[in-house]
Amino acid sequence: MRIALLTAAACAGLAACDAGGGVTQVSRPQVLLDSYLIAHGMATSYAENPDANLAVVQELARLDHRASDAVRALAHRGGDVSGTAEAVAALTDYAARQTASAQ
């Protein structure tokens, strides 16, 4: 249940970023940061599982590094919002699938 709620929150954050409508430019980086932090927590949780698959942990680490770099660039230099959203979404999706399958 907790995983489903975290996944829903991350997806909602990413959807709000893409929707534009009521989301201001200032809040977009914060939504992406929040979404990244949720996905990072899911990836970390999976990696700490003693039964975690090494290949999955390595892929999570790769995706986490990519998303982290994108979020950091967005925060410091006003990087590419769509590229950052893609990186965070890839981590969120993969982490959610792995965490759900580990349940």
N, C-alpha and C. Protein backbone atom coordinates (compact mmCIF):
# COMPACT_ATOMS: atom_id res chain seq x y z
N MET A 1 0.83 -1.19 0.00
CA MET A 1 0.00 0.00 0.00
C MET A 1 0.87 1.26 0.00
N ARG A 2 1.92 1.26 0.86
CA ARG A 2 2.79 2.42 0.94
C ARG A 2 3.47 2.68 -0.40
N ILE A 3 3.88 1.61 -1.07
CA ILE A 3 4.54 1.75 -2.37
C ILE A 3 3.59 2.37 -3.38
N ALA A 4 2.35 1.90 -3.38
CA ALA A 4 1.37 2.44 -4.33
C ALA A 4 1.14 3.93 -4.09
N LEU A 5 1.09 4.34 -2.84
CA LEU A 5 0.89 5.75 -2.53
C LEU A 5 2.09 6.59 -2.96
N LEU A 6 3.29 6.08 -2.70
CA LEU A 6 4.48 6.81 -3.12
C LEU A 6 4.56 6.93 -4.64
N THR A 7 4.23 5.84 -5.32
CA THR A 7 4.25 5.86 -6.77
C THR A 7 3.22 6.85 -7.31
N ALA A 8 2.04 6.82 -6.73
CA ALA A 8 0.98 7.74 -7.16
C ALA A 8 1.40 9.19 -6.94
N ALA A 9 2.05 9.46 -5.81
CA ALA A 9 2.50 10.82 -5.52
C ALA A 9 3.56 11.27 -6.53
N ALA A 10 4.49 10.37 -6.84
CA ALA A 10 5.53 10.72 -7.80
C ALA A 10 4.95 10.96 -9.18
N CYS A 11 4.03 10.09 -9.59
CA CYS A 11 3.40 10.25 -10.91
C CYS A 11 2.57 11.52 -10.97
N ALA A 12 1.87 11.82 -9.89
CA ALA A 12 1.07 13.04 -9.86
C ALA A 12 1.96 14.27 -9.97
N GLY A 13 3.10 14.22 -9.30
CA GLY A 13 4.04 15.33 -9.39
C GLY A 13 4.55 15.53 -10.79
N LEU A 14 4.89 14.44 -11.45
CA LEU A 14 5.37 14.53 -12.83
C LEU A 14 4.27 14.98 -13.77
N ALA A 15 3.06 14.51 -13.54
CA ALA A 15 1.93 14.93 -14.38
C ALA A 15 1.66 16.42 -14.21
N ALA A 16 1.75 16.90 -12.99
CA ALA A 16 1.53 18.33 -12.74
C ALA A 16 2.59 19.17 -13.45
N CYS A 17 3.77 18.63 -13.52
CA CYS A 17 4.85 19.34 -14.19
C CYS A 17 4.56 19.47 -15.68
N ASP A 18 4.06 18.42 -16.28
CA ASP A 18 3.79 18.43 -17.71
C ASP A 18 2.50 19.17 -18.04
N ALA A 19 1.55 19.20 -17.12
CA ALA A 19 0.26 19.80 -17.38
C ALA A 19 0.36 21.31 -17.58
N GLY A 20 1.29 21.93 -16.88
CA GLY A 20 1.45 23.36 -17.05
C GLY A 20 0.37 24.15 -16.35
N GLY A 21 -0.83 24.16 -16.87
CA GLY A 21 -2.00 24.87 -16.37
C GLY A 21 -1.78 25.70 -15.13
N GLY A 22 -2.03 25.13 -13.94
CA GLY A 22 -1.93 25.87 -12.70
C GLY A 22 -0.55 25.80 -12.06
N VAL A 23 0.38 25.15 -12.66
CA VAL A 23 1.72 25.02 -12.08
C VAL A 23 2.60 26.13 -12.63
N THR A 24 3.18 26.90 -11.73
CA THR A 24 4.03 28.00 -12.17
C THR A 24 5.43 27.50 -12.48
N GLN A 25 6.18 28.29 -13.20
CA GLN A 25 7.56 27.93 -13.53
C GLN A 25 8.39 27.72 -12.27
N VAL A 26 8.13 28.51 -11.24
CA VAL A 26 8.91 28.41 -10.01
C VAL A 26 8.68 27.07 -9.32
N SER A 27 7.46 26.55 -9.37
CA SER A 27 7.17 25.31 -8.65
C SER A 27 7.61 24.07 -9.40
N ARG A 28 7.85 24.15 -10.68
CA ARG A 28 8.24 22.96 -11.44
C ARG A 28 9.49 22.29 -10.90
N PRO A 29 10.57 23.03 -10.67
CA PRO A 29 11.75 22.37 -10.11
C PRO A 29 11.47 21.71 -8.76
N GLN A 30 10.63 22.32 -7.94
CA GLN A 30 10.31 21.74 -6.63
C GLN A 30 9.52 20.45 -6.79
N VAL A 31 8.60 20.41 -7.74
CA VAL A 31 7.83 19.19 -7.99
C VAL A 31 8.76 18.08 -8.46
N LEU A 32 9.68 18.40 -9.34
CA LEU A 32 10.64 17.40 -9.82
C LEU A 32 11.54 16.93 -8.68
N LEU A 33 11.97 17.85 -7.84
CA LEU A 33 12.81 17.47 -6.71
C LEU A 33 12.05 16.53 -5.78
N ASP A 34 10.81 16.88 -5.46
CA ASP A 34 10.00 16.02 -4.60
C ASP A 34 9.81 14.64 -5.21
N SER A 35 9.53 14.61 -6.50
CA SER A 35 9.35 13.33 -7.19
C SER A 35 10.63 12.51 -7.18
N TYR A 36 11.76 13.20 -7.39
CA TYR A 36 13.05 12.51 -7.36
C TYR A 36 13.31 11.92 -5.98
N LEU A 37 13.05 12.69 -4.93
CA LEU A 37 13.32 12.22 -3.57
C LEU A 37 12.48 10.98 -3.24
N ILE A 38 11.25 10.95 -3.70
CA ILE A 38 10.40 9.77 -3.49
C ILE A 38 10.99 8.57 -4.23
N ALA A 39 11.35 8.76 -5.49
CA ALA A 39 11.91 7.66 -6.28
C ALA A 39 13.25 7.21 -5.71
N HIS A 40 14.06 8.15 -5.25
CA HIS A 40 15.35 7.81 -4.64
C HIS A 40 15.13 6.95 -3.40
N GLY A 41 14.14 7.31 -2.61
CA GLY A 41 13.82 6.51 -1.42
C GLY A 41 13.38 5.10 -1.77
N MET A 42 12.58 4.98 -2.83
CA MET A 42 12.14 3.66 -3.28
C MET A 42 13.33 2.83 -3.75
N ALA A 43 14.24 3.44 -4.50
CA ALA A 43 15.42 2.74 -4.99
C ALA A 43 16.32 2.31 -3.84
N THR A 44 16.51 3.20 -2.88
CA THR A 44 17.34 2.89 -1.72
C THR A 44 16.73 1.76 -0.91
N SER A 45 15.43 1.81 -0.74
CA SER A 45 14.73 0.76 0.00
C SER A 45 14.93 -0.60 -0.67
N TYR A 46 14.80 -0.64 -1.98
CA TYR A 46 14.99 -1.90 -2.70
C TYR A 46 16.43 -2.38 -2.54
N ALA A 47 17.39 -1.48 -2.70
CA ALA A 47 18.81 -1.86 -2.65
C ALA A 47 19.21 -2.39 -1.27
N GLU A 48 18.53 -1.93 -0.23
CA GLU A 48 18.84 -2.38 1.12
C GLU A 48 18.23 -3.75 1.45
N ASN A 49 17.37 -4.24 0.58
CA ASN A 49 16.76 -5.55 0.78
C ASN A 49 17.83 -6.62 0.60
N PRO A 50 17.97 -7.53 1.56
CA PRO A 50 19.01 -8.56 1.43
C PRO A 50 18.81 -9.49 0.22
N ASP A 51 17.59 -9.56 -0.27
CA ASP A 51 17.30 -10.42 -1.42
C ASP A 51 17.35 -9.66 -2.75
N ALA A 52 17.83 -8.42 -2.72
CA ALA A 52 17.85 -7.60 -3.93
C ALA A 52 18.75 -8.22 -5.00
N ASN A 53 18.29 -8.13 -6.23
CA ASN A 53 19.03 -8.62 -7.38
C ASN A 53 20.13 -7.60 -7.71
N LEU A 54 21.37 -8.06 -7.83
CA LEU A 54 22.49 -7.16 -8.07
C LEU A 54 22.33 -6.36 -9.37
N ALA A 55 21.84 -7.01 -10.43
CA ALA A 55 21.65 -6.31 -11.71
C ALA A 55 20.61 -5.20 -11.57
N VAL A 56 19.58 -5.46 -10.80
CA VAL A 56 18.54 -4.44 -10.58
C VAL A 56 19.11 -3.29 -9.76
N VAL A 57 19.88 -3.60 -8.74
CA VAL A 57 20.49 -2.56 -7.91
C VAL A 57 21.41 -1.68 -8.75
N GLN A 58 22.18 -2.30 -9.65
CA GLN A 58 23.06 -1.53 -10.52
C GLN A 58 22.27 -0.62 -11.47
N GLU A 59 21.16 -1.13 -12.01
CA GLU A 59 20.32 -0.30 -12.89
C GLU A 59 19.67 0.83 -12.11
N LEU A 60 19.22 0.55 -10.90
CA LEU A 60 18.65 1.60 -10.05
C LEU A 60 19.70 2.67 -9.76
N ALA A 61 20.92 2.25 -9.49
CA ALA A 61 22.00 3.21 -9.21
C ALA A 61 22.27 4.07 -10.44
N ARG A 62 22.27 3.47 -11.62
CA ARG A 62 22.50 4.22 -12.87
C ARG A 62 21.39 5.25 -13.09
N LEU A 63 20.14 4.80 -12.95
CA LEU A 63 19.00 5.70 -13.15
C LEU A 63 18.96 6.78 -12.08
N ASP A 64 19.32 6.43 -10.85
CA ASP A 64 19.33 7.40 -9.77
C ASP A 64 20.40 8.46 -10.02
N HIS A 65 21.55 8.04 -10.47
CA HIS A 65 22.63 8.98 -10.78
C HIS A 65 22.21 9.95 -11.90
N ARG A 66 21.59 9.40 -12.93
CA ARG A 66 21.12 10.22 -14.06
C ARG A 66 20.08 11.25 -13.58
N ALA A 67 19.11 10.79 -12.78
CA ALA A 67 18.06 11.69 -12.29
C ALA A 67 18.63 12.73 -11.33
N SER A 68 19.55 12.30 -10.47
CA SER A 68 20.18 13.21 -9.52
C SER A 68 20.93 14.32 -10.26
N ASP A 69 21.69 13.95 -11.26
CA ASP A 69 22.42 14.95 -12.05
C ASP A 69 21.47 15.93 -12.73
N ALA A 70 20.37 15.41 -13.27
CA ALA A 70 19.40 16.26 -13.96
C ALA A 70 18.72 17.22 -13.00
N VAL A 71 18.34 16.73 -11.83
CA VAL A 71 17.68 17.59 -10.83
C VAL A 71 18.66 18.65 -10.33
N ARG A 72 19.89 18.24 -10.09
CA ARG A 72 20.92 19.19 -9.63
C ARG A 72 21.16 20.28 -10.68
N ALA A 73 21.25 19.87 -11.94
CA ALA A 73 21.47 20.85 -13.01
C ALA A 73 20.29 21.81 -13.12
N LEU A 74 19.09 21.28 -12.97
CA LEU A 74 17.89 22.12 -13.04
C LEU A 74 17.90 23.13 -11.89
N ALA A 75 18.27 22.68 -10.71
CA ALA A 75 18.26 23.57 -9.55
C ALA A 75 19.33 24.65 -9.63
N HIS A 76 20.49 24.30 -10.16
CA HIS A 76 21.61 25.24 -10.16
C HIS A 76 21.71 26.09 -11.42
N ARG A 77 21.33 25.54 -12.54
CA ARG A 77 21.53 26.26 -13.80
C ARG A 77 20.24 26.47 -14.58
N GLY A 78 19.11 26.05 -14.01
CA GLY A 78 17.87 26.16 -14.77
C GLY A 78 17.89 25.24 -15.97
N GLY A 79 18.32 24.00 -15.77
CA GLY A 79 18.44 23.02 -16.85
C GLY A 79 17.12 22.70 -17.52
N ASP A 80 17.14 21.68 -18.31
CA ASP A 80 16.01 21.25 -19.13
C ASP A 80 14.94 20.57 -18.28
N VAL A 81 13.77 21.18 -18.18
CA VAL A 81 12.67 20.62 -17.38
C VAL A 81 12.20 19.30 -17.96
N SER A 82 12.03 19.21 -19.27
CA SER A 82 11.52 17.97 -19.86
C SER A 82 12.54 16.84 -19.73
N GLY A 83 13.82 17.14 -19.90
CA GLY A 83 14.85 16.12 -19.73
C GLY A 83 14.93 15.64 -18.29
N THR A 84 14.78 16.57 -17.35
CA THR A 84 14.79 16.21 -15.94
C THR A 84 13.57 15.36 -15.61
N ALA A 85 12.41 15.75 -16.14
CA ALA A 85 11.19 14.98 -15.90
C ALA A 85 11.33 13.56 -16.45
N GLU A 86 11.96 13.42 -17.61
CA GLU A 86 12.20 12.10 -18.20
C GLU A 86 13.09 11.25 -17.31
N ALA A 87 14.17 11.82 -16.82
CA ALA A 87 15.12 11.09 -15.97
C ALA A 87 14.46 10.66 -14.67
N VAL A 88 13.69 11.56 -14.07
CA VAL A 88 13.01 11.24 -12.81
C VAL A 88 11.92 10.19 -13.05
N ALA A 89 11.20 10.32 -14.15
CA ALA A 89 10.16 9.34 -14.48
C ALA A 89 10.74 7.95 -14.71
N ALA A 90 11.90 7.88 -15.38
CA ALA A 90 12.54 6.58 -15.63
C ALA A 90 12.92 5.92 -14.31
N LEU A 91 13.48 6.68 -13.38
CA LEU A 91 13.83 6.14 -12.08
C LEU A 91 12.58 5.73 -11.31
N THR A 92 11.58 6.59 -11.32
CA THR A 92 10.34 6.30 -10.59
C THR A 92 9.69 5.03 -11.10
N ASP A 93 9.57 4.91 -12.41
CA ASP A 93 8.93 3.74 -13.00
C ASP A 93 9.68 2.46 -12.68
N TYR A 94 10.99 2.48 -12.87
CA TYR A 94 11.80 1.28 -12.65
C TYR A 94 11.79 0.90 -11.17
N ALA A 95 11.96 1.89 -10.29
CA ALA A 95 11.97 1.62 -8.85
C ALA A 95 10.63 1.08 -8.38
N ALA A 96 9.55 1.64 -8.91
CA ALA A 96 8.21 1.16 -8.51
C ALA A 96 7.99 -0.27 -8.96
N ARG A 97 8.43 -0.61 -10.17
CA ARG A 97 8.27 -1.98 -10.65
C ARG A 97 9.08 -2.97 -9.82
N GLN A 98 10.29 -2.59 -9.46
CA GLN A 98 11.14 -3.49 -8.68
C GLN A 98 10.63 -3.64 -7.26
N THR A 99 10.21 -2.54 -6.67
CA THR A 99 9.71 -2.56 -5.30
C THR A 99 8.42 -3.37 -5.22
N ALA A 100 7.56 -3.21 -6.21
CA ALA A 100 6.30 -3.96 -6.24
C ALA A 100 6.56 -5.45 -6.41
N SER A 101 7.52 -5.81 -7.23
CA SER A 101 7.81 -7.23 -7.45
C SER A 101 8.49 -7.86 -6.24
N ALA A 102 9.12 -7.05 -5.39
CA ALA A 102 9.78 -7.57 -4.20
C ALA A 102 8.80 -7.81 -3.05
N GLN A 103 7.60 -7.28 -3.17
CA GLN A 103 6.60 -7.41 -2.10
C GLN A 103 6.07 -8.81 -2.00
